[in-house]
PDB file of N, CA and C in Angstrom:
ATOM      1  N   UNK A   1       9.792 -27.273 -23.559  1.00  0.00           N
ATOM      2  CA  UNK A   1       8.504 -26.804 -23.593  1.00  0.00           C
ATOM      3  C   UNK A   1       7.978 -27.238 -24.966  1.00  0.00           C
ATOM      4  N   UNK A   2       6.406 -27.407 -25.205  1.00  0.00           N
ATOM      5  CA  UNK A   2       6.029 -27.717 -26.586  1.00  0.00           C
ATOM      6  C   UNK A   2       5.624 -26.922 -26.987  1.00  0.00           C
ATOM      7  N   UNK A   3       5.483 -26.772 -28.597  1.00  0.00           N
ATOM      8  CA  UNK A   3       5.286 -25.457 -29.376  1.00  0.00           C
ATOM      9  C   UNK A   3       3.629 -25.197 -28.872  1.00  0.00           C
ATOM     10  N   UNK A   4       2.553 -25.816 -28.435  1.00  0.00           N
ATOM     11  CA  UNK A   4       1.586 -25.465 -27.998  1.00  0.00           C
ATOM     12  C   UNK A   4       1.654 -24.294 -26.877  1.00  0.00           C
ATOM     13  N   UNK A   5       2.546 -24.778 -25.991  1.00  0.00           N
ATOM     14  CA  UNK A   5       2.746 -24.144 -24.739  1.00  0.00           C
ATOM     15  C   UNK A   5       3.145 -22.842 -24.825  1.00  0.00           C
ATOM     16  N   UNK A   6       4.237 -22.399 -25.624  1.00  0.00           N
ATOM     17  CA  UNK A   6       4.534 -21.216 -26.103  1.00  0.00           C
ATOM     18  C   UNK A   6       3.447 -20.065 -26.785  1.00  0.00           C
ATOM     19  N   UNK A   7       2.424 -21.091 -27.787  1.00  0.00           N
ATOM     20  CA  UNK A   7       1.536 -20.219 -28.205  1.00  0.00           C
ATOM     21  C   UNK A   7       0.508 -19.776 -27.419  1.00  0.00           C
ATOM     22  N   UNK A   8       0.163 -20.925 -26.411  1.00  0.00           N
ATOM     23  CA  UNK A   8      -0.679 -20.445 -25.083  1.00  0.00           C
ATOM     24  C   UNK A   8      -0.434 -19.549 -24.722  1.00  0.00           C
ATOM     25  N   UNK A   9       1.002 -19.187 -24.355  1.00  0.00           N
ATOM     26  CA  UNK A   9       1.218 -17.992 -23.233  1.00  0.00           C
ATOM     27  C   UNK A   9       1.732 -17.046 -24.282  1.00  0.00           C
ATOM     28  N   UNK A  10       2.115 -16.942 -25.669  1.00  0.00           N
ATOM     29  CA  UNK A  10       1.793 -15.705 -26.208  1.00  0.00           C
ATOM     30  C   UNK A  10       0.129 -15.169 -26.364  1.00  0.00           C
ATOM     31  N   UNK A  11      -0.769 -16.114 -26.497  1.00  0.00           N
ATOM     32  CA  UNK A  11      -2.035 -15.724 -26.618  1.00  0.00           C
ATOM     33  C   UNK A  11      -2.235 -14.857 -25.174  1.00  0.00           C
ATOM     34  N   UNK A  12      -1.801 -15.276 -23.986  1.00  0.00           N
ATOM     35  CA  UNK A  12      -2.518 -14.754 -22.759  1.00  0.00           C
ATOM     36  C   UNK A  12      -1.701 -13.525 -22.877  1.00  0.00           C
ATOM     37  N   UNK A  13      -0.211 -13.156 -23.209  1.00  0.00           N
ATOM     38  CA  UNK A  13       0.182 -12.136 -23.037  1.00  0.00           C
ATOM     39  C   UNK A  13      -0.668 -11.001 -23.514  1.00  0.00           C
ATOM     40  N   UNK A  14      -0.749 -11.639 -25.153  1.00  0.00           N
ATOM     41  CA  UNK A  14      -1.521 -10.624 -25.989  1.00  0.00           C
ATOM     42  C   UNK A  14      -2.451 -10.288 -25.508  1.00  0.00           C
ATOM     43  N   UNK A  15      -3.686 -11.417 -24.903  1.00  0.00           N
ATOM     44  CA  UNK A  15      -4.821 -10.691 -24.107  1.00  0.00           C
ATOM     45  C   UNK A  15      -4.563  -9.729 -23.367  1.00  0.00           C
ATOM     46  N   UNK A  16      -3.960 -10.065 -22.298  1.00  0.00           N
ATOM     47  CA  UNK A  16      -3.641  -9.172 -20.950  1.00  0.00           C
ATOM     48  C   UNK A  16      -3.171  -7.726 -21.569  1.00  0.00           C
ATOM     49  N   UNK A  17      -2.280  -7.862 -22.784  1.00  0.00           N
ATOM     50  CA  UNK A  17      -1.920  -6.480 -23.263  1.00  0.00           C
ATOM     51  C   UNK A  17      -3.223  -5.777 -23.953  1.00  0.00           C
ATOM     52  N   UNK A  18      -4.094  -6.437 -24.465  1.00  0.00           N
ATOM     53  CA  UNK A  18      -5.357  -5.838 -25.163  1.00  0.00           C
ATOM     54  C   UNK A  18      -6.092  -5.379 -23.726  1.00  0.00           C
ATOM     55  N   UNK A  19      -6.465  -6.130 -22.970  1.00  0.00           N
ATOM     56  CA  UNK A  19      -6.937  -5.553 -22.175  1.00  0.00           C
ATOM     57  C   UNK A  19      -6.723  -4.435 -20.763  1.00  0.00           C
ATOM     58  N   UNK A  20      -5.296  -4.084 -21.064  1.00  0.00           N
ATOM     59  CA  UNK A  20      -4.534  -3.247 -20.003  1.00  0.00           C
ATOM     60  C   UNK A  20      -4.460  -1.562 -21.166  1.00  0.00           C
ATOM     61  N   UNK A  21      -4.491  -2.073 -22.484  1.00  0.00           N
ATOM     62  CA  UNK A  21      -4.436  -0.977 -23.270  1.00  0.00           C
ATOM     63  C   UNK A  21      -6.190  -0.383 -23.282  1.00  0.00           C
ATOM     64  N   UNK A  22      -6.757  -1.447 -23.438  1.00  0.00           N
ATOM     65  CA  UNK A  22      -8.870  -1.007 -23.488  1.00  0.00           C
ATOM     66  C   UNK A  22      -8.925  -0.540 -22.204  1.00  0.00           C
ATOM     67  N   UNK A  23      -8.504  -0.594 -21.063  1.00  0.00           N
ATOM     68  CA  UNK A  23      -8.956  -0.300 -19.810  1.00  0.00           C
ATOM     69  C   UNK A  23      -8.362   1.437 -19.491  1.00  0.00           C
ATOM     70  N   UNK A  24      -6.990   1.425 -20.215  1.00  0.00           N
ATOM     71  CA  UNK A  24      -6.229   3.058 -19.855  1.00  0.00           C
ATOM     72  C   UNK A  24      -6.864   3.501 -20.928  1.00  0.00           C
ATOM     73  N   UNK A  25      -7.368   3.099 -21.806  1.00  0.00           N
ATOM     74  CA  UNK A  25      -7.697   4.186 -23.059  1.00  0.00           C
ATOM     75  C   UNK A  25      -9.392   4.498 -22.931  1.00  0.00           C
ATOM     76  N   UNK A  26      -9.974   3.750 -21.904  1.00  0.00           N
ATOM     77  CA  UNK A  26     -11.643   3.744 -21.795  1.00  0.00           C
ATOM     78  C   UNK A  26     -11.813   5.495 -22.028  1.00  0.00           C
ATOM     79  N   UNK A  27     -11.246   6.114 -21.156  1.00  0.00           N
ATOM     80  CA  UNK A  27     -11.653   7.503 -20.942  1.00  0.00           C
ATOM     81  C   UNK A  27     -11.570   8.146 -22.245  1.00  0.00           C
ATOM     82  N   UNK A  28     -10.321   7.953 -23.445  1.00  0.00           N
ATOM     83  CA  UNK A  28     -10.313   8.661 -24.710  1.00  0.00           C
ATOM     84  C   UNK A  28     -11.146   7.960 -25.435  1.00  0.00           C
ATOM     85  N   UNK A  29     -11.555   6.839 -25.723  1.00  0.00           N
ATOM     86  CA  UNK A  29     -12.195   6.513 -26.240  1.00  0.00           C
ATOM     87  C   UNK A  29     -13.439   6.851 -26.370  1.00  0.00           C
ATOM     88  N   UNK A  30     -14.341   7.262 -25.706  1.00  0.00           N
ATOM     89  CA  UNK A  30     -15.575   7.973 -24.952  1.00  0.00           C
ATOM     90  C   UNK A  30     -15.529   9.123 -25.943  1.00  0.00           C
ATOM     91  N   UNK A  31     -16.936   9.458 -26.361  1.00  0.00           N
ATOM     92  CA  UNK A  31     -17.209  10.456 -27.301  1.00  0.00           C
ATOM     93  C   UNK A  31     -17.570  11.836 -26.599  1.00  0.00           C
ATOM     94  N   UNK A  32     -18.003  11.464 -25.734  1.00  0.00           N
ATOM     95  CA  UNK A  32     -18.526  12.665 -24.545  1.00  0.00           C
ATOM     96  C   UNK A  32     -17.959  12.948 -23.032  1.00  0.00           C
ATOM     97  N   UNK A  33     -17.744  13.809 -22.641  1.00  0.00           N
ATOM     98  CA  UNK A  33     -17.210  14.079 -20.864  1.00  0.00           C
ATOM     99  C   UNK A  33     -17.960  13.286 -20.199  1.00  0.00           C
ATOM    100  N   UNK A  34     -17.097  12.508 -19.312  1.00  0.00           N
ATOM    101  CA  UNK A  34     -17.594  11.758 -18.403  1.00  0.00           C
ATOM    102  C   UNK A  34     -17.041  11.891 -16.925  1.00  0.00           C
ATOM    103  N   UNK A  35     -18.063  11.902 -15.994  1.00  0.00           N
ATOM    104  CA  UNK A  35     -17.191  12.444 -14.509  1.00  0.00           C
ATOM    105  C   UNK A  35     -18.161  11.216 -13.774  1.00  0.00           C
ATOM    106  N   UNK A  36     -17.257  11.290 -12.560  1.00  0.00           N
ATOM    107  CA  UNK A  36     -17.666  10.801 -11.644  1.00  0.00           C
ATOM    108  C   UNK A  36     -19.064  10.971 -10.718  1.00  0.00           C
ATOM    109  N   UNK A  37     -19.747  10.370 -10.293  1.00  0.00           N
ATOM    110  CA  UNK A  37     -20.725  10.745  -9.236  1.00  0.00           C
ATOM    111  C   UNK A  37     -20.310  11.355  -7.895  1.00  0.00           C
ATOM    112  N   UNK A  38     -20.842  12.534  -7.074  1.00  0.00           N
ATOM    113  CA  UNK A  38     -20.343  13.046  -6.215  1.00  0.00           C
ATOM    114  C   UNK A  38     -19.993  12.300  -4.865  1.00  0.00           C
ATOM    115  N   UNK A  39     -20.709  10.835  -4.899  1.00  0.00           N
ATOM    116  CA  UNK A  39     -20.313  10.050  -3.834  1.00  0.00           C
ATOM    117  C   UNK A  39     -19.370   9.481  -4.087  1.00  0.00           C
ATOM    118  N   UNK A  40     -18.759   9.174  -5.196  1.00  0.00           N
ATOM    119  CA  UNK A  40     -17.315   8.742  -5.362  1.00  0.00           C
ATOM    120  C   UNK A  40     -16.718   9.537  -5.537  1.00  0.00           C
ATOM    121  N   UNK A  41     -16.637  10.878  -5.792  1.00  0.00           N
ATOM    122  CA  UNK A  41     -15.267  11.508  -5.698  1.00  0.00           C
ATOM    123  C   UNK A  41     -15.120  11.819  -3.590  1.00  0.00           C
ATOM    124  N   UNK A  42     -16.116  11.859  -3.004  1.00  0.00           N
ATOM    125  CA  UNK A  42     -16.211  11.802  -1.868  1.00  0.00           C
ATOM    126  C   UNK A  42     -14.950  10.360  -0.938  1.00  0.00           C
ATOM    127  N   UNK A  43     -15.810   9.227  -1.717  1.00  0.00           N
ATOM    128  CA  UNK A  43     -15.249   8.322  -1.296  1.00  0.00           C
ATOM    129  C   UNK A  43     -13.474   8.329  -1.831  1.00  0.00           C
ATOM    130  N   UNK A  44     -13.240   8.873  -2.921  1.00  0.00           N
ATOM    131  CA  UNK A  44     -11.737   8.884  -3.102  1.00  0.00           C
ATOM    132  C   UNK A  44     -10.678   9.151  -2.504  1.00  0.00           C
ATOM    133  N   UNK A  45     -11.648  10.621  -1.538  1.00  0.00           N
ATOM    134  CA  UNK A  45     -10.697  11.607  -0.835  1.00  0.00           C
ATOM    135  C   UNK A  45      -9.970  10.492   0.313  1.00  0.00           C
ATOM    136  N   UNK A  46     -10.885   8.973   0.938  1.00  0.00           N
ATOM    137  CA  UNK A  46     -10.439   8.172   1.637  1.00  0.00           C
ATOM    138  C   UNK A  46      -9.774   7.109   1.141  1.00  0.00           C
ATOM    139  N   UNK A  47      -9.601   7.099   0.233  1.00  0.00           N
ATOM    140  CA  UNK A  47      -8.788   5.811  -0.567  1.00  0.00           C
ATOM    141  C   UNK A  47      -7.472   5.748  -0.274  1.00  0.00           C
ATOM    142  N   UNK A  48      -6.367   6.645  -0.286  1.00  0.00           N
ATOM    143  CA  UNK A  48      -5.391   6.753  -0.055  1.00  0.00           C
ATOM    144  C   UNK A  48      -4.974   6.171   1.565  1.00  0.00           C
ATOM    145  N   UNK A  49      -5.867   6.929   2.375  1.00  0.00           N
ATOM    146  CA  UNK A  49      -5.721   6.423   3.910  1.00  0.00           C
ATOM    147  C   UNK A  49      -6.067   4.915   4.059  1.00  0.00           C
ATOM    148  N   UNK A  50      -7.149   4.470   3.499  1.00  0.00           N
ATOM    149  CA  UNK A  50      -7.483   3.208   3.810  1.00  0.00           C
ATOM    150  C   UNK A  50      -6.632   2.509   2.919  1.00  0.00           C
ATOM    151  N   UNK A  51      -5.986   2.524   2.045  1.00  0.00           N
ATOM    152  CA  UNK A  51      -4.957   1.797   1.646  1.00  0.00           C
ATOM    153  C   UNK A  51      -3.924   1.551   1.939  1.00  0.00           C
ATOM    154  N   UNK A  52      -3.141   2.880   2.472  1.00  0.00           N
ATOM    155  CA  UNK A  52      -1.958   2.584   3.826  1.00  0.00           C
ATOM    156  C   UNK A  52      -2.397   1.918   4.718  1.00  0.00           C
ATOM    157  N   UNK A  53      -3.533   2.579   5.624  1.00  0.00           N
ATOM    158  CA  UNK A  53      -3.770   1.563   6.953  1.00  0.00           C
ATOM    159  C   UNK A  53      -3.881   0.131   6.494  1.00  0.00           C
ATOM    160  N   UNK A  54      -4.369  -0.125   5.365  1.00  0.00           N
ATOM    161  CA  UNK A  54      -4.568  -2.260   4.877  1.00  0.00           C
ATOM    162  C   UNK A  54      -3.411  -2.423   4.744  1.00  0.00           C
ATOM    163  N   UNK A  55      -2.312  -1.903   4.401  1.00  0.00           N
ATOM    164  CA  UNK A  55      -0.767  -2.175   4.168  1.00  0.00           C
ATOM    165  C   UNK A  55       0.047  -2.343   5.729  1.00  0.00           C
ATOM    166  N   UNK A  56      -0.301  -1.195   6.036  1.00  0.00           N
ATOM    167  CA  UNK A  56       0.850  -0.696   7.233  1.00  0.00           C
ATOM    168  C   UNK A  56       0.269  -1.528   8.345  1.00  0.00           C
ATOM    169  N   UNK A  57      -1.141  -1.075   9.070  1.00  0.00           N
ATOM    170  CA  UNK A  57      -1.542  -1.689  10.072  1.00  0.00           C
ATOM    171  C   UNK A  57      -1.236  -3.548  10.171  1.00  0.00           C
ATOM    172  N   UNK A  58      -1.791  -4.414   9.287  1.00  0.00           N
ATOM    173  CA  UNK A  58      -1.147  -5.599   9.197  1.00  0.00           C
ATOM    174  C   UNK A  58       0.524  -5.876   9.606  1.00  0.00           C
ATOM    175  N   UNK A  59       1.484  -5.119   9.024  1.00  0.00           N
ATOM    176  CA  UNK A  59       2.681  -5.251   9.187  1.00  0.00           C
ATOM    177  C   UNK A  59       2.851  -4.730  10.294  1.00  0.00           C
ATOM    178  N   UNK A  60       2.451  -4.072  11.342  1.00  0.00           N
ATOM    179  CA  UNK A  60       3.055  -3.368  12.573  1.00  0.00           C
ATOM    180  C   UNK A  60       2.199  -4.499  13.372  1.00  0.00           C
ATOM    181  N   UNK A  61       0.949  -4.883  13.666  1.00  0.00           N
ATOM    182  CA  UNK A  61       0.688  -5.795  14.319  1.00  0.00           C
ATOM    183  C   UNK A  61       0.628  -7.091  14.702  1.00  0.00           C
ATOM    184  N   UNK A  62       1.315  -7.745  12.992  1.00  0.00           N
ATOM    185  CA  UNK A  62       1.455  -8.971  12.755  1.00  0.00           C
ATOM    186  C   UNK A  62       2.911  -9.571  12.561  1.00  0.00           C
ATOM    187  N   UNK A  63       3.244 -10.851  12.975  1.00  0.00           N
ATOM    188  CA  UNK A  63       4.250 -11.242  12.605  1.00  0.00           C
ATOM    189  C   UNK A  63       4.235 -13.019  12.118  1.00  0.00           C
ATOM    190  N   UNK A  64       4.743 -12.877  11.027  1.00  0.00           N
ATOM    191  CA  UNK A  64       4.438 -14.247  10.389  1.00  0.00           C
ATOM    192  C   UNK A  64       2.838 -14.973  10.245  1.00  0.00           C
ATOM    193  N   UNK A  65       1.973 -13.994  10.260  1.00  0.00           N
ATOM    194  CA  UNK A  65       1.003 -14.375  10.036  1.00  0.00           C
ATOM    195  C   UNK A  65       0.194 -14.410  11.271  1.00  0.00           C
ATOM    196  N   UNK A  66       0.507 -14.092  12.327  1.00  0.00           N
ATOM    197  CA  UNK A  66       0.137 -14.069  13.950  1.00  0.00           C
ATOM    198  C   UNK A  66      -0.014 -12.811  14.456  1.00  0.00           C
ATOM    199  N   UNK A  67      -0.504 -12.727  15.436  1.00  0.00           N
ATOM    200  CA  UNK A  67      -0.594 -11.117  16.202  1.00  0.00           C
ATOM    201  C   UNK A  67       0.751 -11.024  16.896  1.00  0.00           C
ATOM    202  N   UNK A  68       1.579 -10.017  17.186  1.00  0.00           N
ATOM    203  CA  UNK A  68       2.087  -9.736  17.922  1.00  0.00           C
ATOM    204  C   UNK A  68       1.915 -10.350  19.359  1.00  0.00           C
ATOM    205  N   UNK A  69       2.971 -11.208  19.562  1.00  0.00           N
ATOM    206  CA  UNK A  69       2.317 -11.768  21.099  1.00  0.00           C
ATOM    207  C   UNK A  69       3.420 -11.108  22.293  1.00  0.00           C
ATOM    208  N   UNK A  70       4.073 -10.202  21.943  1.00  0.00           N
ATOM    209  CA  UNK A  70       4.960  -9.511  23.077  1.00  0.00           C
ATOM    210  C   UNK A  70       4.948  -8.254  22.781  1.00  0.00           C
ATOM    211  N   UNK A  71       4.873  -7.538  23.955  1.00  0.00           N
ATOM    212  CA  UNK A  71       5.176  -6.060  23.464  1.00  0.00           C
ATOM    213  C   UNK A  71       6.240  -5.356  23.569  1.00  0.00           C
ATOM    214  N   UNK A  72       7.512  -6.420  23.140  1.00  0.00           N
ATOM    215  CA  UNK A  72       8.557  -6.307  23.175  1.00  0.00           C
ATOM    216  C   UNK A  72       9.054  -6.339  21.384  1.00  0.00           C
ATOM    217  N   UNK A  73       8.332  -5.395  20.685  1.00  0.00           N
ATOM    218  CA  UNK A  73       8.384  -5.327  19.147  1.00  0.00           C
ATOM    219  C   UNK A  73       8.586  -3.969  18.647  1.00  0.00           C
ATOM    220  N   UNK A  74       9.945  -3.683  17.606  1.00  0.00           N
ATOM    221  CA  UNK A  74      10.248  -2.276  17.879  1.00  0.00           C
ATOM    222  C   UNK A  74       9.108  -1.814  16.893  1.00  0.00           C
ATOM    223  N   UNK A  75       8.529  -2.409  16.262  1.00  0.00           N
ATOM    224  CA  UNK A  75       7.397  -1.995  15.119  1.00  0.00           C
ATOM    225  C   UNK A  75       6.007  -0.979  15.785  1.00  0.00           C
ATOM    226  N   UNK A  76       5.745  -1.437  17.282  1.00  0.00           N
ATOM    227  CA  UNK A  76       4.873  -1.046  17.752  1.00  0.00           C
ATOM    228  C   UNK A  76       5.360   0.360  18.456  1.00  0.00           C
ATOM    229  N   UNK A  77       6.533   0.288  18.948  1.00  0.00           N
ATOM    230  CA  UNK A  77       7.356   1.321  19.431  1.00  0.00           C
ATOM    231  C   UNK A  77       7.525   2.663  18.332  1.00  0.00           C
ATOM    232  N   UNK A  78       7.818   1.942  17.272  1.00  0.00           N
ATOM    233  CA  UNK A  78       7.849   3.144  16.018  1.00  0.00           C
ATOM    234  C   UNK A  78       6.754   3.445  15.476  1.00  0.00           C
ATOM    235  N   UNK A  79       5.652   2.625  15.550  1.00  0.00           N
ATOM    236  CA  UNK A  79       4.528   3.049  14.732  1.00  0.00           C
ATOM    237  C   UNK A  79       3.821   4.230  15.872  1.00  0.00           C
ATOM    238  N   UNK A  80       4.203   3.925  17.002  1.00  0.00           N
ATOM    239  CA  UNK A  80       3.697   5.037  18.041  1.00  0.00           C
ATOM    240  C   UNK A  80       4.102   6.030  18.252  1.00  0.00           C
ATOM    241  N   UNK A  81       5.309   6.316  18.244  1.00  0.00           N
ATOM    242  CA  UNK A  81       6.288   7.258  18.155  1.00  0.00           C
ATOM    243  C   UNK A  81       6.081   8.191  16.689  1.00  0.00           C
ATOM    244  N   UNK A  82       5.895   7.511  15.788  1.00  0.00           N
ATOM    245  CA  UNK A  82       4.876   7.810  14.489  1.00  0.00           C
ATOM    246  C   UNK A  82       3.751   8.616  14.083  1.00  0.00           C
ATOM    247  N   UNK A  83       2.906   8.270  15.073  1.00  0.00           N
ATOM    248  CA  UNK A  83       1.607   8.495  15.118  1.00  0.00           C
ATOM    249  C   UNK A  83       1.829   9.722  16.065  1.00  0.00           C
ATOM    250  N   UNK A  84       2.046   9.815  17.087  1.00  0.00           N
ATOM    251  CA  UNK A  84       2.422  10.841  17.682  1.00  0.00           C
ATOM    252  C   UNK A  84       3.159  12.113  17.374  1.00  0.00           C
ATOM    253  N   UNK A  85       4.317  11.908  16.671  1.00  0.00           N
ATOM    254  CA  UNK A  85       4.646  13.259  15.998  1.00  0.00           C
ATOM    255  C   UNK A  85       3.991  13.333  14.703  1.00  0.00           C
ATOM    256  N   UNK A  86       3.032  12.572  14.133  1.00  0.00           N
ATOM    257  CA  UNK A  86       2.324  13.102  13.032  1.00  0.00           C
ATOM    258  C   UNK A  86       1.390  14.011  13.629  1.00  0.00           C
ATOM    259  N   UNK A  87       0.328  13.578  14.864  1.00  0.00           N
ATOM    260  CA  UNK A  87      -0.555  14.278  15.092  1.00  0.00           C
ATOM    261  C   UNK A  87       0.056  15.408  15.778  1.00  0.00           C
ATOM    262  N   UNK A  88       1.585  15.681  16.245  1.00  0.00           N
ATOM    263  CA  UNK A  88       1.819  17.116  16.996  1.00  0.00           C
ATOM    264  C   UNK A  88       2.187  17.887  15.909  1.00  0.00           C
ATOM    265  N   UNK A  89       2.903  17.376  14.755  1.00  0.00           N
ATOM    266  CA  UNK A  89       3.452  18.287  13.894  1.00  0.00           C
ATOM    267  C   UNK A  89       2.601  18.558  12.576  1.00  0.00           C
ATOM    268  N   UNK A  90       2.157  17.338  12.306  1.00  0.00           N
ATOM    269  CA  UNK A  90       1.598  17.237  10.382  1.00  0.00           C
ATOM    270  C   UNK A  90       2.445  16.870   9.485  1.00  0.00           C
ATOM    271  N   UNK A  91       3.362  16.559   9.785  1.00  0.00           N
ATOM    272  CA  UNK A  91       4.452  16.149   8.779  1.00  0.00           C
ATOM    273  C   UNK A  91       5.324  14.968   8.583  1.00  0.00           C
ATOM    274  N   UNK A  92       4.728  14.258   7.367  1.00  0.00           N
ATOM    275  CA  UNK A  92       5.177  13.017   7.003  1.00  0.00           C
ATOM    276  C   UNK A  92       6.584  12.920   7.046  1.00  0.00           C
ATOM    277  N   UNK A  93       7.547  13.454   6.491  1.00  0.00           N
ATOM    278  CA  UNK A  93       8.714  13.490   6.680  1.00  0.00           C
ATOM    279  C   UNK A  93       9.183  13.310   8.269  1.00  0.00           C
ATOM    280  N   UNK A  94       8.831  13.938   9.015  1.00  0.00           N
ATOM    281  CA  UNK A  94       9.194  14.044  10.553  1.00  0.00           C
ATOM    282  C   UNK A  94       8.722  12.489  10.864  1.00  0.00           C
ATOM    283  N   UNK A  95       7.349  12.263  10.564  1.00  0.00           N
ATOM    284  CA  UNK A  95       6.874  11.118  10.969  1.00  0.00           C
ATOM    285  C   UNK A  95       7.497   9.842  10.694  1.00  0.00           C
ATOM    286  N   UNK A  96       8.017   9.776   9.359  1.00  0.00           N
ATOM    287  CA  UNK A  96       9.205   8.665   8.699  1.00  0.00           C
ATOM    288  C   UNK A  96      10.207   8.760   9.575  1.00  0.00           C
ATOM    289  N   UNK A  97      11.081   9.802   9.656  1.00  0.00           N
ATOM    290  CA  UNK A  97      12.354   9.762  10.386  1.00  0.00           C
ATOM    291  C   UNK A  97      12.078   9.728  11.784  1.00  0.00           C
ATOM    292  N   UNK A  98      11.543  10.023  12.591  1.00  0.00           N
ATOM    293  CA  UNK A  98      11.104   9.706  14.054  1.00  0.00           C
ATOM    294  C   UNK A  98      10.634   7.963  14.462  1.00  0.00           C
ATOM    295  N   UNK A  99       9.958   7.865  13.209  1.00  0.00           N
ATOM    296  CA  UNK A  99       9.393   6.388  13.346  1.00  0.00           C
ATOM    297  C   UNK A  99      10.829   5.387  13.116  1.00  0.00           C
ATOM    298  N   UNK A 100      11.921   5.429  11.938  1.00  0.00           N
ATOM    299  CA  UNK A 100      12.895   4.974  11.981  1.00  0.00           C
ATOM    300  C   UNK A 100      14.231   5.107  12.745  1.00  0.00           C
ATOM    301  N   UNK A 101      14.065   6.118  13.307  1.00  0.00           N
ATOM    302  CA  UNK A 101      14.893   6.647  14.642  1.00  0.00           C
ATOM    303  C   UNK A 101      14.596   5.777  16.056  1.00  0.00           C
ATOM    304  N   UNK A 102      13.399   5.222  16.179  1.00  0.00           N
ATOM    305  CA  UNK A 102      13.018   4.389  17.143  1.00  0.00           C
ATOM    306  C   UNK A 102      13.142   2.808  16.772  1.00  0.00           C
ATOM    307  N   UNK A 103      13.039   2.644  15.559  1.00  0.00           N
ATOM    308  CA  UNK A 103      12.847   1.489  15.048  1.00  0.00           C
ATOM    309  C   UNK A 103      13.867   0.581  14.892  1.00  0.00           C
ATOM    310  N   UNK A 104      15.033   1.327  14.408  1.00  0.00           N
ATOM    311  CA  UNK A 104      16.414   0.961  14.496  1.00  0.00           C
ATOM    312  C   UNK A 104      17.442   0.671  15.686  1.00  0.00           C
ATOM    313  N   UNK A 105      17.255   1.422  16.695  1.00  0.00           N
ATOM    314  CA  UNK A 105      18.195   1.281  17.810  1.00  0.00           C
ATOM    315  C   UNK A 105      17.464  -0.358  18.505  1.00  0.00           C
ATOM    316  N   UNK A 106      16.034  -0.061  18.636  1.00  0.00           N
ATOM    317  CA  UNK A 106      15.419  -1.176  19.115  1.00  0.00           C
ATOM    318  C   UNK A 106      15.617  -2.280  18.505  1.00  0.00           C
ATOM    319  N   UNK A 107      15.603  -2.408  17.044  1.00  0.00           N
ATOM    320  CA  UNK A 107      15.919  -3.308  16.075  1.00  0.00           C
ATOM    321  C   UNK A 107      16.764  -4.395  16.165  1.00  0.00           C
ATOM    322  N   UNK A 108      18.125  -3.287  16.198  1.00  0.00           N
ATOM    323  CA  UNK A 108      19.547  -3.422  16.171  1.00  0.00           C
ATOM    324  C   UNK A 108      19.860  -3.898  16.980  1.00  0.00           C
ATOM    325  N   UNK A 109      19.864  -2.850  18.438  1.00  0.00           N
ATOM    326  CA  UNK A 109      20.723  -3.150  19.194  1.00  0.00           C
ATOM    327  C   UNK A 109      20.394  -3.835  20.366  1.00  0.00           C
ATOM    328  N   UNK A 110      18.616  -4.197  20.411  1.00  0.00           N
ATOM    329  CA  UNK A 110      17.924  -5.246  21.564  1.00  0.00           C
ATOM    330  C   UNK A 110      17.310  -5.934  20.770  1.00  0.00           C
ATOM    331  N   UNK A 111      17.163  -6.343  19.529  1.00  0.00           N
ATOM    332  CA  UNK A 111      16.858  -7.672  18.567  1.00  0.00           C
ATOM    333  C   UNK A 111      15.439  -7.665  18.928  1.00  0.00           C
ATOM    334  N   UNK A 112      14.602  -6.742  18.891  1.00  0.00           N
ATOM    335  CA  UNK A 112      12.910  -6.654  19.330  1.00  0.00           C
ATOM    336  C   UNK A 112      12.523  -6.954  17.909  1.00  0.00           C
TER     337      UNK A 112
END
């Protein structure tokens, strides 16, 4: 690698570090209290659910970038069992345990 490449890499790292520090310290830099509007507070209540759905749903219904073409997919049964037990008991731990208890035998024994 040439010297100018190293200098450019160091410049980019320093710039990214500066942007990170500035954005993380933004609320400390302000001289007056700052709060979110009411609509933003309401929207933030749904952000974790939306993010989780955005990550989990494609993983459950897609395989290699395509929709699951068969019902013999262990992920579908595990997600259904997990959803049922969550709505029944409202326990995240029980949802995870039952979902994995359904997924593992189907995946390992039946190769779904």
